[in-house]
PDB file of N, CA and C in Angstrom:
ATOM      1  N   MET A   1     242.549  19.284  97.463  1.00  0.00           N
ATOM      2  CA  MET A   1     243.123  20.108  97.628  1.00  0.00           C
ATOM      3  C   MET A   1     242.889  20.484  98.933  1.00  0.00           C
ATOM      4  N   ASP A   2     241.444  20.741  99.131  1.00  0.00           N
ATOM      5  CA  ASP A   2     240.957  21.189  99.994  1.00  0.00           C
ATOM      6  C   ASP A   2     241.662  20.577 101.312  1.00  0.00           C
ATOM      7  N   SER A   3     241.637  18.980 101.323  1.00  0.00           N
ATOM      8  CA  SER A   3     242.015  17.798 102.270  1.00  0.00           C
ATOM      9  C   SER A   3     244.107  18.530 102.167  1.00  0.00           C
ATOM     10  N   LEU A   4     244.400  18.624 101.759  1.00  0.00           N
ATOM     11  CA  LEU A   4     245.804  18.722 101.564  1.00  0.00           C
ATOM     12  C   LEU A   4     246.022  20.010 102.524  1.00  0.00           C
ATOM     13  N   TRP A   5     245.436  21.177 102.507  1.00  0.00           N
ATOM     14  CA  TRP A   5     245.136  22.393 103.224  1.00  0.00           C
ATOM     15  C   TRP A   5     244.737  22.438 104.385  1.00  0.00           C
ATOM     16  N   ARG A   6     243.743  21.364 104.546  1.00  0.00           N
ATOM     17  CA  ARG A   6     243.583  20.737 106.128  1.00  0.00           C
ATOM     18  C   ARG A   6     244.631  20.180 106.966  1.00  0.00           C
ATOM     19  N   LEU A   7     244.851  19.247 105.851  1.00  0.00           N
ATOM     20  CA  LEU A   7     245.815  18.736 106.384  1.00  0.00           C
ATOM     21  C   LEU A   7     247.203  19.160 106.969  1.00  0.00           C
ATOM     22  N   LYS A   8     247.403  20.399 106.171  1.00  0.00           N
ATOM     23  CA  LYS A   8     249.047  21.412 106.894  1.00  0.00           C
ATOM     24  C   LYS A   8     248.108  22.176 107.805  1.00  0.00           C
ATOM     25  N   ARG A   9     246.939  22.427 107.392  1.00  0.00           N
ATOM     26  CA  ARG A   9     246.458  23.137 109.287  1.00  0.00           C
ATOM     27  C   ARG A   9     246.915  22.402 110.299  1.00  0.00           C
ATOM     28  N   PHE A  10     246.410  21.623 110.176  1.00  0.00           N
ATOM     29  CA  PHE A  10     246.530  20.295 111.538  1.00  0.00           C
ATOM     30  C   PHE A  10     247.717  20.109 111.894  1.00  0.00           C
ATOM     31  N   ALA A  11     247.709  20.162 112.880  1.00  0.00           N
ATOM     32  CA  ALA A  11     249.659  20.114 113.475  1.00  0.00           C
ATOM     33  C   ALA A  11     249.547  20.281 115.203  1.00  0.00           C
ATOM     34  N   ALA A  12     250.065  18.351 115.862  1.00  0.00           N
ATOM     35  CA  ALA A  12     250.099  18.575 117.253  1.00  0.00           C
ATOM     36  C   ALA A  12     250.457  19.400 118.513  1.00  0.00           C
ATOM     37  N   PHE A  13     251.489  20.119 117.152  1.00  0.00           N
ATOM     38  CA  PHE A  13     252.915  21.224 118.116  1.00  0.00           C
ATOM     39  C   PHE A  13     252.535  21.929 116.929  1.00  0.00           C
ATOM     40  N   PRO A  14     251.562  23.062 117.256  1.00  0.00           N
ATOM     41  CA  PRO A  14     251.292  24.092 116.299  1.00  0.00           C
ATOM     42  C   PRO A  14     252.402  25.057 116.318  1.00  0.00           C
ATOM     43  N   LYS A  15     252.782  25.715 115.650  1.00  0.00           N
ATOM     44  CA  LYS A  15     253.885  26.868 115.633  1.00  0.00           C
ATOM     45  C   LYS A  15     253.961  28.226 116.249  1.00  0.00           C
ATOM     46  N   THR A  16     254.379  29.044 117.268  1.00  0.00           N
ATOM     47  CA  THR A  16     253.856  29.930 117.649  1.00  0.00           C
ATOM     48  C   THR A  16     254.054  31.139 116.307  1.00  0.00           C
ATOM     49  N   LEU A  17     253.542  32.367 117.011  1.00  0.00           N
ATOM     50  CA  LEU A  17     253.569  33.450 115.922  1.00  0.00           C
ATOM     51  C   LEU A  17     255.177  34.076 116.258  1.00  0.00           C
ATOM     52  N   GLU A  18     255.432  34.964 115.222  1.00  0.00           N
ATOM     53  CA  GLU A  18     256.538  34.879 115.185  1.00  0.00           C
ATOM     54  C   GLU A  18     256.789  36.150 116.024  1.00  0.00           C
ATOM     55  N   ASP A  19     255.496  36.944 116.518  1.00  0.00           N
ATOM     56  CA  ASP A  19     256.255  37.659 117.813  1.00  0.00           C
ATOM     57  C   ASP A  19     256.089  36.744 118.896  1.00  0.00           C
ATOM     58  N   PHE A  20     255.834  35.976 119.201  1.00  0.00           N
ATOM     59  CA  PHE A  20     255.831  35.579 120.996  1.00  0.00           C
ATOM     60  C   PHE A  20     256.635  34.805 120.981  1.00  0.00           C
ATOM     61  N   ARG A  21     257.640  34.392 119.772  1.00  0.00           N
ATOM     62  CA  ARG A  21     258.903  33.939 120.041  1.00  0.00           C
ATOM     63  C   ARG A  21     259.840  35.153 120.333  1.00  0.00           C
ATOM     64  N   VAL A  22     260.722  34.126 122.041  1.00  0.00           N
ATOM     65  CA  VAL A  22     261.960  35.101 121.680  1.00  0.00           C
ATOM     66  C   VAL A  22     263.324  34.023 122.143  1.00  0.00           C
ATOM     67  N   LYS A  23     264.093  34.163 121.559  1.00  0.00           N
ATOM     68  CA  LYS A  23     265.884  33.754 121.623  1.00  0.00           C
ATOM     69  C   LYS A  23     266.530  34.564 122.065  1.00  0.00           C
ATOM     70  N   THR A  24     266.645  33.304 123.033  1.00  0.00           N
ATOM     71  CA  THR A  24     267.633  33.509 124.152  1.00  0.00           C
ATOM     72  C   THR A  24     269.182  32.866 123.924  1.00  0.00           C
ATOM     73  N   CYS A  25     269.744  33.589 124.939  1.00  0.00           N
ATOM     74  CA  CYS A  25     270.963  32.501 124.846  1.00  0.00           C
ATOM     75  C   CYS A  25     271.070  31.410 125.919  1.00  0.00           C
ATOM     76  N   GLY A  26     270.230  31.266 126.539  1.00  0.00           N
ATOM     77  CA  GLY A  26     270.150  29.936 127.936  1.00  0.00           C
ATOM     78  C   GLY A  26     269.453  28.656 126.635  1.00  0.00           C
ATOM     79  N   GLY A  27     267.693  29.303 126.201  1.00  0.00           N
ATOM     80  CA  GLY A  27     267.542  28.445 125.388  1.00  0.00           C
ATOM     81  C   GLY A  27     268.260  27.841 124.144  1.00  0.00           C
ATOM     82  N   ALA A  28     269.588  28.361 123.259  1.00  0.00           N
ATOM     83  CA  ALA A  28     270.625  27.978 122.730  1.00  0.00           C
ATOM     84  C   ALA A  28     271.101  27.019 123.143  1.00  0.00           C
ATOM     85  N   LEU A  29     271.663  27.281 123.864  1.00  0.00           N
ATOM     86  CA  LEU A  29     272.456  26.608 124.974  1.00  0.00           C
ATOM     87  C   LEU A  29     271.883  25.280 125.720  1.00  0.00           C
ATOM     88  N   VAL A  30     270.726  25.236 125.991  1.00  0.00           N
ATOM     89  CA  VAL A  30     270.006  24.159 126.091  1.00  0.00           C
ATOM     90  C   VAL A  30     270.158  23.138 124.765  1.00  0.00           C
ATOM     91  N   THR A  31     269.405  23.551 123.747  1.00  0.00           N
ATOM     92  CA  THR A  31     269.365  23.606 122.348  1.00  0.00           C
ATOM     93  C   THR A  31     270.784  22.158 122.252  1.00  0.00           C
ATOM     94  N   VAL A  32     272.162  23.134 121.992  1.00  0.00           N
ATOM     95  CA  VAL A  32     273.001  22.488 122.016  1.00  0.00           C
ATOM     96  C   VAL A  32     273.175  21.541 122.553  1.00  0.00           C
ATOM     97  N   VAL A  33     273.523  21.707 123.508  1.00  0.00           N
ATOM     98  CA  VAL A  33     273.630  20.612 125.089  1.00  0.00           C
ATOM     99  C   VAL A  33     273.042  19.157 124.673  1.00  0.00           C
ATOM    100  N   SER A  34     272.059  19.877 124.411  1.00  0.00           N
ATOM    101  CA  SER A  34     270.650  18.506 124.434  1.00  0.00           C
ATOM    102  C   SER A  34     271.342  18.115 122.847  1.00  0.00           C
ATOM    103  N   GLY A  35     271.383  18.662 122.075  1.00  0.00           N
ATOM    104  CA  GLY A  35     271.853  17.966 120.412  1.00  0.00           C
ATOM    105  C   GLY A  35     272.975  17.206 120.625  1.00  0.00           C
ATOM    106  N   LEU A  36     273.897  17.437 121.484  1.00  0.00           N
ATOM    107  CA  LEU A  36     275.555  16.555 121.911  1.00  0.00           C
ATOM    108  C   LEU A  36     274.891  15.592 122.824  1.00  0.00           C
ATOM    109  N   ILE A  37     274.167  15.660 123.732  1.00  0.00           N
ATOM    110  CA  ILE A  37     273.328  14.678 124.606  1.00  0.00           C
ATOM    111  C   ILE A  37     273.471  13.403 123.919  1.00  0.00           C
ATOM    112  N   MET A  38     272.015  13.608 122.656  1.00  0.00           N
ATOM    113  CA  MET A  38     271.735  13.014 121.844  1.00  0.00           C
ATOM    114  C   MET A  38     272.641  12.007 120.367  1.00  0.00           C
ATOM    115  N   VAL A  39     273.437  12.771 120.032  1.00  0.00           N
ATOM    116  CA  VAL A  39     274.916  12.216 119.622  1.00  0.00           C
ATOM    117  C   VAL A  39     275.849  11.300 120.325  1.00  0.00           C
ATOM    118  N   LEU A  40     275.825  12.099 121.565  1.00  0.00           N
ATOM    119  CA  LEU A  40     277.102  11.003 122.638  1.00  0.00           C
ATOM    120  C   LEU A  40     276.174   9.339 122.420  1.00  0.00           C
ATOM    121  N   LEU A  41     274.365   9.938 123.130  1.00  0.00           N
ATOM    122  CA  LEU A  41     274.104   8.483 123.705  1.00  0.00           C
ATOM    123  C   LEU A  41     273.838   7.757 122.109  1.00  0.00           C
ATOM    124  N   PHE A  42     273.571   8.286 120.843  1.00  0.00           N
ATOM    125  CA  PHE A  42     273.356   7.881 119.582  1.00  0.00           C
ATOM    126  C   PHE A  42     274.718   6.638 119.651  1.00  0.00           C
ATOM    127  N   PHE A  43     276.167   7.176 119.826  1.00  0.00           N
ATOM    128  CA  PHE A  43     277.218   6.876 119.693  1.00  0.00           C
ATOM    129  C   PHE A  43     277.448   5.595 120.430  1.00  0.00           C
ATOM    130  N   SER A  44     277.015   5.408 122.027  1.00  0.00           N
ATOM    131  CA  SER A  44     277.256   4.952 122.418  1.00  0.00           C
ATOM    132  C   SER A  44     276.751   3.722 122.525  1.00  0.00           C
ATOM    133  N   GLU A  45     274.862   4.080 122.120  1.00  0.00           N
ATOM    134  CA  GLU A  45     274.120   2.319 121.847  1.00  0.00           C
ATOM    135  C   GLU A  45     274.585   1.765 120.520  1.00  0.00           C
ATOM    136  N   LEU A  46     275.303   2.822 119.531  1.00  0.00           N
ATOM    137  CA  LEU A  46     275.897   1.762 118.373  1.00  0.00           C
ATOM    138  C   LEU A  46     276.683   1.675 118.592  1.00  0.00           C
ATOM    139  N   GLN A  47     277.936   1.411 119.118  1.00  0.00           N
ATOM    140  CA  GLN A  47     279.375   0.996 120.169  1.00  0.00           C
ATOM    141  C   GLN A  47     278.588  -0.497 120.577  1.00  0.00           C
ATOM    142  N   TYR A  48     277.861  -0.113 121.629  1.00  0.00           N
ATOM    143  CA  TYR A  48     277.220  -1.515 121.768  1.00  0.00           C
ATOM    144  C   TYR A  48     276.978  -2.220 121.476  1.00  0.00           C
ATOM    145  N   TYR A  49     275.454  -2.033 120.193  1.00  0.00           N
ATOM    146  CA  TYR A  49     275.109  -2.338 119.184  1.00  0.00           C
ATOM    147  C   TYR A  49     275.712  -3.680 118.587  1.00  0.00           C
ATOM    148  N   LEU A  50     277.240  -2.771 117.727  1.00  0.00           N
ATOM    149  CA  LEU A  50     277.791  -2.730 116.647  1.00  0.00           C
ATOM    150  C   LEU A  50     278.554  -4.046 116.766  1.00  0.00           C
ATOM    151  N   PRO A  51     279.316  -4.620 117.723  1.00  0.00           N
ATOM    152  CA  PRO A  51     280.619  -5.482 118.436  1.00  0.00           C
ATOM    153  C   PRO A  51     279.541  -6.659 118.134  1.00  0.00           C
ATOM    154  N   LYS A  52     280.205  -7.758 118.260  1.00  0.00           N
ATOM    155  CA  LYS A  52     279.840  -9.448 118.208  1.00  0.00           C
ATOM    156  C   LYS A  52     280.921 -10.008 119.061  1.00  0.00           C
ATOM    157  N   GLU A  53     280.032 -10.219 120.133  1.00  0.00           N
ATOM    158  CA  GLU A  53     280.967 -11.055 121.329  1.00  0.00           C
ATOM    159  C   GLU A  53     279.753 -12.655 121.433  1.00  0.00           C
ATOM    160  N   VAL A  54     281.340 -13.138 121.179  1.00  0.00           N
ATOM    161  CA  VAL A  54     281.071 -15.117 120.969  1.00  0.00           C
ATOM    162  C   VAL A  54     281.198 -15.201 122.380  1.00  0.00           C
ATOM    163  N   HIS A  55     280.933 -16.184 123.126  1.00  0.00           N
ATOM    164  CA  HIS A  55     281.085 -16.944 124.424  1.00  0.00           C
ATOM    165  C   HIS A  55     280.548 -18.606 123.948  1.00  0.00           C
ATOM    166  N   PRO A  56     281.834 -18.698 123.534  1.00  0.00           N
ATOM    167  CA  PRO A  56     281.593 -20.438 123.284  1.00  0.00           C
ATOM    168  C   PRO A  56     281.192 -21.241 124.280  1.00  0.00           C
ATOM    169  N   GLU A  57     280.470 -22.003 124.500  1.00  0.00           N
ATOM    170  CA  GLU A  57     279.807 -22.674 125.317  1.00  0.00           C
ATOM    171  C   GLU A  57     279.835 -24.422 125.282  1.00  0.00           C
ATOM    172  N   LEU A  58     280.159 -25.725 125.631  1.00  0.00           N
ATOM    173  CA  LEU A  58     279.965 -26.899 125.228  1.00  0.00           C
ATOM    174  C   LEU A  58     278.679 -27.902 126.862  1.00  0.00           C
ATOM    175  N   TYR A  59     277.906 -27.995 126.440  1.00  0.00           N
ATOM    176  CA  TYR A  59     278.059 -29.195 127.449  1.00  0.00           C
ATOM    177  C   TYR A  59     277.058 -30.151 126.845  1.00  0.00           C
ATOM    178  N   VAL A  60     276.357 -31.275 127.760  1.00  0.00           N
ATOM    179  CA  VAL A  60     276.095 -32.848 127.568  1.00  0.00           C
ATOM    180  C   VAL A  60     274.621 -32.134 128.281  1.00  0.00           C
ATOM    181  N   ASP A  61     274.087 -32.037 127.336  1.00  0.00           N
ATOM    182  CA  ASP A  61     272.667 -32.132 127.074  1.00  0.00           C
ATOM    183  C   ASP A  61     271.255 -33.336 127.588  1.00  0.00           C
ATOM    184  N   LYS A  62     271.173 -33.748 129.019  1.00  0.00           N
ATOM    185  CA  LYS A  62     270.990 -34.884 129.876  1.00  0.00           C
ATOM    186  C   LYS A  62     269.423 -34.585 129.583  1.00  0.00           C
ATOM    187  N   SER A  63     269.172 -33.740 129.388  1.00  0.00           N
ATOM    188  CA  SER A  63     267.089 -33.278 129.062  1.00  0.00           C
ATOM    189  C   SER A  63     267.104 -34.841 127.891  1.00  0.00           C
ATOM    190  N   ARG A  64     267.560 -35.374 127.156  1.00  0.00           N
ATOM    191  CA  ARG A  64     266.739 -36.098 126.641  1.00  0.00           C
ATOM    192  C   ARG A  64     267.760 -37.524 125.865  1.00  0.00           C
ATOM    193  N   GLY A  65     266.561 -39.016 126.176  1.00  0.00           N
ATOM    194  CA  GLY A  65     267.291 -39.399 126.454  1.00  0.00           C
ATOM    195  C   GLY A  65     268.338 -40.095 124.809  1.00  0.00           C
ATOM    196  N   ASP A  66     268.550 -41.909 125.082  1.00  0.00           N
ATOM    197  CA  ASP A  66     269.627 -41.563 124.504  1.00  0.00           C
ATOM    198  C   ASP A  66     269.234 -42.453 123.071  1.00  0.00           C
ATOM    199  N   LYS A  67     268.107 -43.062 123.103  1.00  0.00           N
ATOM    200  CA  LYS A  67     267.317 -43.367 122.155  1.00  0.00           C
ATOM    201  C   LYS A  67     266.039 -43.202 122.167  1.00  0.00           C
ATOM    202  N   LEU A  68     265.310 -43.079 120.726  1.00  0.00           N
ATOM    203  CA  LEU A  68     264.029 -42.327 120.587  1.00  0.00           C
ATOM    204  C   LEU A  68     263.679 -44.099 119.351  1.00  0.00           C
ATOM    205  N   LYS A  69     261.985 -44.626 120.090  1.00  0.00           N
ATOM    206  CA  LYS A  69     261.369 -45.504 120.159  1.00  0.00           C
ATOM    207  C   LYS A  69     260.540 -45.176 118.884  1.00  0.00           C
ATOM    208  N   ILE A  70     260.854 -45.438 117.763  1.00  0.00           N
ATOM    209  CA  ILE A  70     260.435 -45.299 116.278  1.00  0.00           C
ATOM    210  C   ILE A  70     259.274 -46.679 116.106  1.00  0.00           C
ATOM    211  N   ASN A  71     258.471 -46.956 115.908  1.00  0.00           N
ATOM    212  CA  ASN A  71     257.708 -47.870 115.269  1.00  0.00           C
ATOM    213  C   ASN A  71     256.701 -47.711 114.061  1.00  0.00           C
ATOM    214  N   LEU A  72     257.084 -48.857 113.003  1.00  0.00           N
ATOM    215  CA  LEU A  72     256.459 -48.713 111.783  1.00  0.00           C
ATOM    216  C   LEU A  72     256.014 -49.566 111.593  1.00  0.00           C
ATOM    217  N   ASP A  73     254.928 -49.694 110.354  1.00  0.00           N
ATOM    218  CA  ASP A  73     254.563 -50.648 110.101  1.00  0.00           C
ATOM    219  C   ASP A  73     253.972 -50.424 108.352  1.00  0.00           C
ATOM    220  N   VAL A  74     255.014 -51.017 108.059  1.00  0.00           N
ATOM    221  CA  VAL A  74     254.776 -50.315 106.044  1.00  0.00           C
ATOM    222  C   VAL A  74     254.793 -51.772 105.363  1.00  0.00           C
ATOM    223  N   ILE A  75     253.554 -51.487 104.180  1.00  0.00           N
ATOM    224  CA  ILE A  75     254.398 -52.372 103.524  1.00  0.00           C
ATOM    225  C   ILE A  75     254.340 -52.213 101.961  1.00  0.00           C
ATOM    226  N   PHE A  76     255.539 -53.101 101.174  1.00  0.00           N
ATOM    227  CA  PHE A  76     256.044 -52.451  99.833  1.00  0.00           C
ATOM    228  C   PHE A  76     255.583 -53.740  98.892  1.00  0.00           C
ATOM    229  N   PRO A  77     254.666 -54.064  98.207  1.00  0.00           N
ATOM    230  CA  PRO A  77     254.138 -55.155  97.832  1.00  0.00           C
ATOM    231  C   PRO A  77     255.249 -55.963  96.784  1.00  0.00           C
ATOM    232  N   HIS A  78     255.730 -54.456  96.208  1.00  0.00           N
ATOM    233  CA  HIS A  78     257.058 -55.175  94.856  1.00  0.00           C
ATOM    234  C   HIS A  78     258.310 -54.575  95.016  1.00  0.00           C
ATOM    235  N   MET A  79     258.603 -55.057  96.292  1.00  0.00           N
ATOM    236  CA  MET A  79     259.977 -54.517  96.984  1.00  0.00           C
ATOM    237  C   MET A  79     260.977 -55.130  97.240  1.00  0.00           C
ATOM    238  N   PRO A  80     262.498 -55.754  97.386  1.00  0.00           N
ATOM    239  CA  PRO A  80     262.396 -57.163  97.833  1.00  0.00           C
ATOM    240  C   PRO A  80     263.113 -56.775  98.947  1.00  0.00           C
ATOM    241  N   CYS A  81     262.955 -57.449 100.204  1.00  0.00           N
ATOM    242  CA  CYS A  81     263.608 -56.993 101.649  1.00  0.00           C
ATOM    243  C   CYS A  81     265.048 -56.480 101.730  1.00  0.00           C
ATOM    244  N   ALA A  82     265.937 -57.031 100.489  1.00  0.00           N
ATOM    245  CA  ALA A  82     267.079 -56.952 100.683  1.00  0.00           C
ATOM    246  C   ALA A  82     267.561 -55.239 100.092  1.00  0.00           C
ATOM    247  N   TYR A  83     266.278 -54.048 100.032  1.00  0.00           N
ATOM    248  CA  TYR A  83     266.676 -52.959  98.778  1.00  0.00           C
ATOM    249  C   TYR A  83     266.198 -52.074  99.958  1.00  0.00           C
ATOM    250  N   LEU A  84     265.739 -52.857 100.833  1.00  0.00           N
ATOM    251  CA  LEU A  84     265.077 -51.847 102.312  1.00  0.00           C
ATOM    252  C   LEU A  84     265.839 -51.295 103.025  1.00  0.00           C
ATOM    253  N   SER A  85     266.154 -50.303 103.750  1.00  0.00           N
ATOM    254  CA  SER A  85     266.619 -50.193 104.595  1.00  0.00           C
ATOM    255  C   SER A  85     266.384 -48.585 105.117  1.00  0.00           C
ATOM    256  N   ILE A  86     266.715 -48.029 106.976  1.00  0.00           N
ATOM    257  CA  ILE A  86     266.118 -47.203 107.376  1.00  0.00           C
ATOM    258  C   ILE A  86     267.107 -46.322 107.693  1.00  0.00           C
ATOM    259  N   ASP A  87     267.282 -44.946 106.882  1.00  0.00           N
ATOM    260  CA  ASP A  87     267.786 -43.694 107.813  1.00  0.00           C
ATOM    261  C   ASP A  87     267.372 -43.037 108.684  1.00  0.00           C
ATOM    262  N   ALA A  88     267.789 -41.962 109.483  1.00  0.00           N
ATOM    263  CA  ALA A  88     267.297 -41.546 110.618  1.00  0.00           C
ATOM    264  C   ALA A  88     268.599 -40.266 110.837  1.00  0.00           C
ATOM    265  N   MET A  89     267.817 -39.530 110.900  1.00  0.00           N
ATOM    266  CA  MET A  89     268.329 -38.166 111.408  1.00  0.00           C
ATOM    267  C   MET A  89     267.666 -37.811 112.637  1.00  0.00           C
ATOM    268  N   ASP A  90     269.192 -37.471 113.901  1.00  0.00           N
ATOM    269  CA  ASP A  90     268.778 -36.358 114.703  1.00  0.00           C
ATOM    270  C   ASP A  90     267.963 -35.286 115.131  1.00  0.00           C
ATOM    271  N   VAL A  91     267.678 -34.859 116.310  1.00  0.00           N
ATOM    272  CA  VAL A  91     268.114 -33.239 116.076  1.00  0.00           C
ATOM    273  C   VAL A  91     268.745 -32.270 115.962  1.00  0.00           C
ATOM    274  N   ALA A  92     269.618 -33.115 116.258  1.00  0.00           N
ATOM    275  CA  ALA A  92     271.085 -32.308 116.282  1.00  0.00           C
ATOM    276  C   ALA A  92     271.618 -32.426 114.553  1.00  0.00           C
ATOM    277  N   GLY A  93     271.029 -32.603 113.665  1.00  0.00           N
ATOM    278  CA  GLY A  93     271.695 -32.911 112.175  1.00  0.00           C
ATOM    279  C   GLY A  93     272.450 -34.219 111.837  1.00  0.00           C
ATOM    280  N   GLU A  94     272.725 -34.460 113.055  1.00  0.00           N
ATOM    281  CA  GLU A  94     273.941 -35.671 112.800  1.00  0.00           C
ATOM    282  C   GLU A  94     272.944 -37.446 112.069  1.00  0.00           C
ATOM    283  N   GLN A  95     273.364 -37.817 110.492  1.00  0.00           N
ATOM    284  CA  GLN A  95     272.534 -38.851 110.264  1.00  0.00           C
ATOM    285  C   GLN A  95     272.941 -40.377 110.949  1.00  0.00           C
ATOM    286  N   GLN A  96     272.322 -41.404 110.802  1.00  0.00           N
ATOM    287  CA  GLN A  96     272.095 -42.298 111.010  1.00  0.00           C
ATOM    288  C   GLN A  96     271.604 -43.720 109.724  1.00  0.00           C
ATOM    289  N   LEU A  97     272.538 -43.313 109.137  1.00  0.00           N
ATOM    290  CA  LEU A  97     272.642 -44.383 107.876  1.00  0.00           C
ATOM    291  C   LEU A  97     272.262 -45.820 108.181  1.00  0.00           C
ATOM    292  N   ASP A  98     271.197 -45.953 107.461  1.00  0.00           N
ATOM    293  CA  ASP A  98     271.043 -48.126 107.637  1.00  0.00           C
ATOM    294  C   ASP A  98     270.840 -49.027 108.810  1.00  0.00           C
ATOM    295  N   VAL A  99     269.609 -47.427 109.228  1.00  0.00           N
ATOM    296  CA  VAL A  99     270.306 -47.828 110.530  1.00  0.00           C
ATOM    297  C   VAL A  99     269.322 -49.923 110.976  1.00  0.00           C
ATOM    298  N   GLU A 100     269.907 -50.794 111.656  1.00  0.00           N
ATOM    299  CA  GLU A 100     269.086 -52.207 111.763  1.00  0.00           C
ATOM    300  C   GLU A 100     269.205 -52.651 113.362  1.00  0.00           C
ATOM    301  N   HIS A 101     268.369 -51.973 113.884  1.00  0.00           N
ATOM    302  CA  HIS A 101     268.322 -52.604 115.880  1.00  0.00           C
ATOM    303  C   HIS A 101     266.959 -52.642 115.922  1.00  0.00           C
ATOM    304  N   ASN A 102     266.833 -53.412 115.877  1.00  0.00           N
ATOM    305  CA  ASN A 102     264.884 -53.893 116.569  1.00  0.00           C
ATOM    306  C   ASN A 102     264.468 -53.735 115.075  1.00  0.00           C
ATOM    307  N   LEU A 103     265.379 -54.358 113.625  1.00  0.00           N
ATOM    308  CA  LEU A 103     263.905 -54.109 112.307  1.00  0.00           C
ATOM    309  C   LEU A 103     263.334 -55.637 111.994  1.00  0.00           C
ATOM    310  N   PHE A 104     262.254 -56.083 111.557  1.00  0.00           N
ATOM    311  CA  PHE A 104     262.200 -56.789 111.468  1.00  0.00           C
ATOM    312  C   PHE A 104     261.463 -56.849 109.897  1.00  0.00           C
ATOM    313  N   LYS A 105     261.842 -57.528 109.236  1.00  0.00           N
ATOM    314  CA  LYS A 105     261.831 -57.661 107.352  1.00  0.00           C
ATOM    315  C   LYS A 105     260.260 -59.223 107.732  1.00  0.00           C
ATOM    316  N   GLN A 106     259.321 -58.775 107.181  1.00  0.00           N
ATOM    317  CA  GLN A 106     258.630 -59.690 106.789  1.00  0.00           C
ATOM    318  C   GLN A 106     258.276 -59.979 105.602  1.00  0.00           C
ATOM    319  N   ARG A 107     258.574 -61.228 104.213  1.00  0.00           N
ATOM    320  CA  ARG A 107     258.468 -60.876 103.120  1.00  0.00           C
ATOM    321  C   ARG A 107     256.756 -61.122 102.660  1.00  0.00           C
ATOM    322  N   LEU A 108     256.093 -60.701 102.116  1.00  0.00           N
ATOM    323  CA  LEU A 108     254.858 -61.164 101.501  1.00  0.00           C
ATOM    324  C   LEU A 108     254.737 -61.978 100.007  1.00  0.00           C
ATOM    325  N   ASP A 109     253.857 -62.232  99.679  1.00  0.00           N
ATOM    326  CA  ASP A 109     253.848 -62.774  98.225  1.00  0.00           C
ATOM    327  C   ASP A 109     253.116 -62.197  97.388  1.00  0.00           C
ATOM    328  N   LYS A 110     252.781 -61.757  96.572  1.00  0.00           N
ATOM    329  CA  LYS A 110     251.910 -60.885  95.489  1.00  0.00           C
ATOM    330  C   LYS A 110     250.395 -60.750  96.503  1.00  0.00           C
ATOM    331  N   ALA A 111     249.634 -61.877  97.374  1.00  0.00           N
ATOM    332  CA  ALA A 111     249.066 -61.831  97.520  1.00  0.00           C
ATOM    333  C   ALA A 111     248.211 -60.904  98.804  1.00  0.00           C
ATOM    334  N   GLY A 112     249.766 -60.966  99.602  1.00  0.00           N
ATOM    335  CA  GLY A 112     249.771 -59.992 100.412  1.00  0.00           C
ATOM    336  C   GLY A 112     250.192 -60.719 101.790  1.00  0.00           C
ATOM    337  N   ASN A 113     250.604 -62.375 101.731  1.00  0.00           N
ATOM    338  CA  ASN A 113     250.075 -63.697 102.882  1.00  0.00           C
ATOM    339  C   ASN A 113     251.427 -63.226 102.674  1.00  0.00           C
ATOM    340  N   ARG A 114     251.868 -64.149 103.832  1.00  0.00           N
ATOM    341  CA  ARG A 114     253.038 -64.029 104.959  1.00  0.00           C
ATOM    342  C   ARG A 114     253.754 -65.319 104.323  1.00  0.00           C
ATOM    343  N   VAL A 115     254.785 -65.302 103.707  1.00  0.00           N
ATOM    344  CA  VAL A 115     255.749 -66.649 103.144  1.00  0.00           C
ATOM    345  C   VAL A 115     256.229 -67.517 104.071  1.00  0.00           C
ATOM    346  N   THR A 116     257.139 -66.408 105.027  1.00  0.00           N
ATOM    347  CA  THR A 116     257.438 -67.395 106.937  1.00  0.00           C
ATOM    348  C   THR A 116     256.341 -67.115 106.989  1.00  0.00           C
ATOM    349  N   PRO A 117     256.557 -67.954 108.340  1.00  0.00           N
ATOM    350  CA  PRO A 117     256.214 -67.761 109.222  1.00  0.00           C
ATOM    351  C   PRO A 117     256.474 -66.368 110.388  1.00  0.00           C
ATOM    352  N   GLU A 118     257.824 -65.845 110.584  1.00  0.00           N
ATOM    353  CA  GLU A 118     258.455 -65.139 111.502  1.00  0.00           C
ATOM    354  C   GLU A 118     258.978 -63.990 110.910  1.00  0.00           C
ATOM    355  N   ALA A 119     259.169 -63.191 110.808  1.00  0.00           N
ATOM    356  CA  ALA A 119     259.852 -62.159 110.471  1.00  0.00           C
ATOM    357  C   ALA A 119     260.916 -62.354 110.452  1.00  0.00           C
ATOM    358  N   GLU A 120     262.025 -61.820 109.536  1.00  0.00           N
ATOM    359  CA  GLU A 120     263.086 -61.893 110.019  1.00  0.00           C
ATOM    360  C   GLU A 120     263.934 -60.660 110.399  1.00  0.00           C
ATOM    361  N   ARG A 121     264.674 -60.310 111.683  1.00  0.00           N
ATOM    362  CA  ARG A 121     265.221 -59.808 112.324  1.00  0.00           C
ATOM    363  C   ARG A 121     266.281 -59.686 112.229  1.00  0.00           C
ATOM    364  N   HIS A 122     266.869 -57.910 112.109  1.00  0.00           N
ATOM    365  CA  HIS A 122     267.522 -57.126 111.307  1.00  0.00           C
ATOM    366  C   HIS A 122     268.621 -56.552 112.707  1.00  0.00           C
ATOM    367  N   GLY A 123     269.974 -56.782 112.710  1.00  0.00           N
ATOM    368  CA  GLY A 123     270.437 -56.285 114.059  1.00  0.00           C
ATOM    369  C   GLY A 123     270.604 -56.521 114.935  1.00  0.00           C
ATOM    370  N   GLY A 124     270.958 -55.843 116.298  1.00  0.00           N
ATOM    371  CA  GLY A 124     270.666 -56.313 117.396  1.00  0.00           C
ATOM    372  C   GLY A 124     270.058 -56.340 118.420  1.00  0.00           C
ATOM    373  N   LYS A 125     270.507 -56.312 119.699  1.00  0.00           N
ATOM    374  CA  LYS A 125     269.018 -56.560 120.588  1.00  0.00           C
ATOM    375  C   LYS A 125     269.825 -55.265 121.524  1.00  0.00           C
ATOM    376  N   ASP A 126     268.544 -54.816 122.461  1.00  0.00           N
ATOM    377  CA  ASP A 126     269.017 -53.434 122.944  1.00  0.00           C
ATOM    378  C   ASP A 126     269.613 -53.260 123.348  1.00  0.00           C
TER     379      ASP A 126
END
C-alpha cells in the first residue's frame, strides 16, 4: 500500500495547485484547435492507410539461369530402377515431375556390386 501511495505521488508532469491555474479564452481556443488538428491528422492518415492499391507488374527475371544443376549419388539397395524418378520444384513453385534429363541409373546386385558395366542413361542431352 505504501508503494502505491509513492507511485501516485510520482508524476512526470505534476499538476499545479488550483490557485495557480488560470482558465482563459485563449487557452480554450488553443485546446479546441489543437484537438481538431489531431482529429484531422488522424483521419487523413487513416484514409491514406486503409485503401489497398494494387499495381500489377509482370517482368522476366533474367538474373537466374535456365537450368539448375543438381548432382546426387543415392543407393537404393532393394528398389528396382523402374520405380525411381526425380520430381523437382523451382523457386516459383512450379513442379517439374518425373525429371529425366541426364539421369543415370546403375543396377546393383544384393552385395552392392554393379550388374552392368555402364550406367543406364535416361533422358536427353543438354
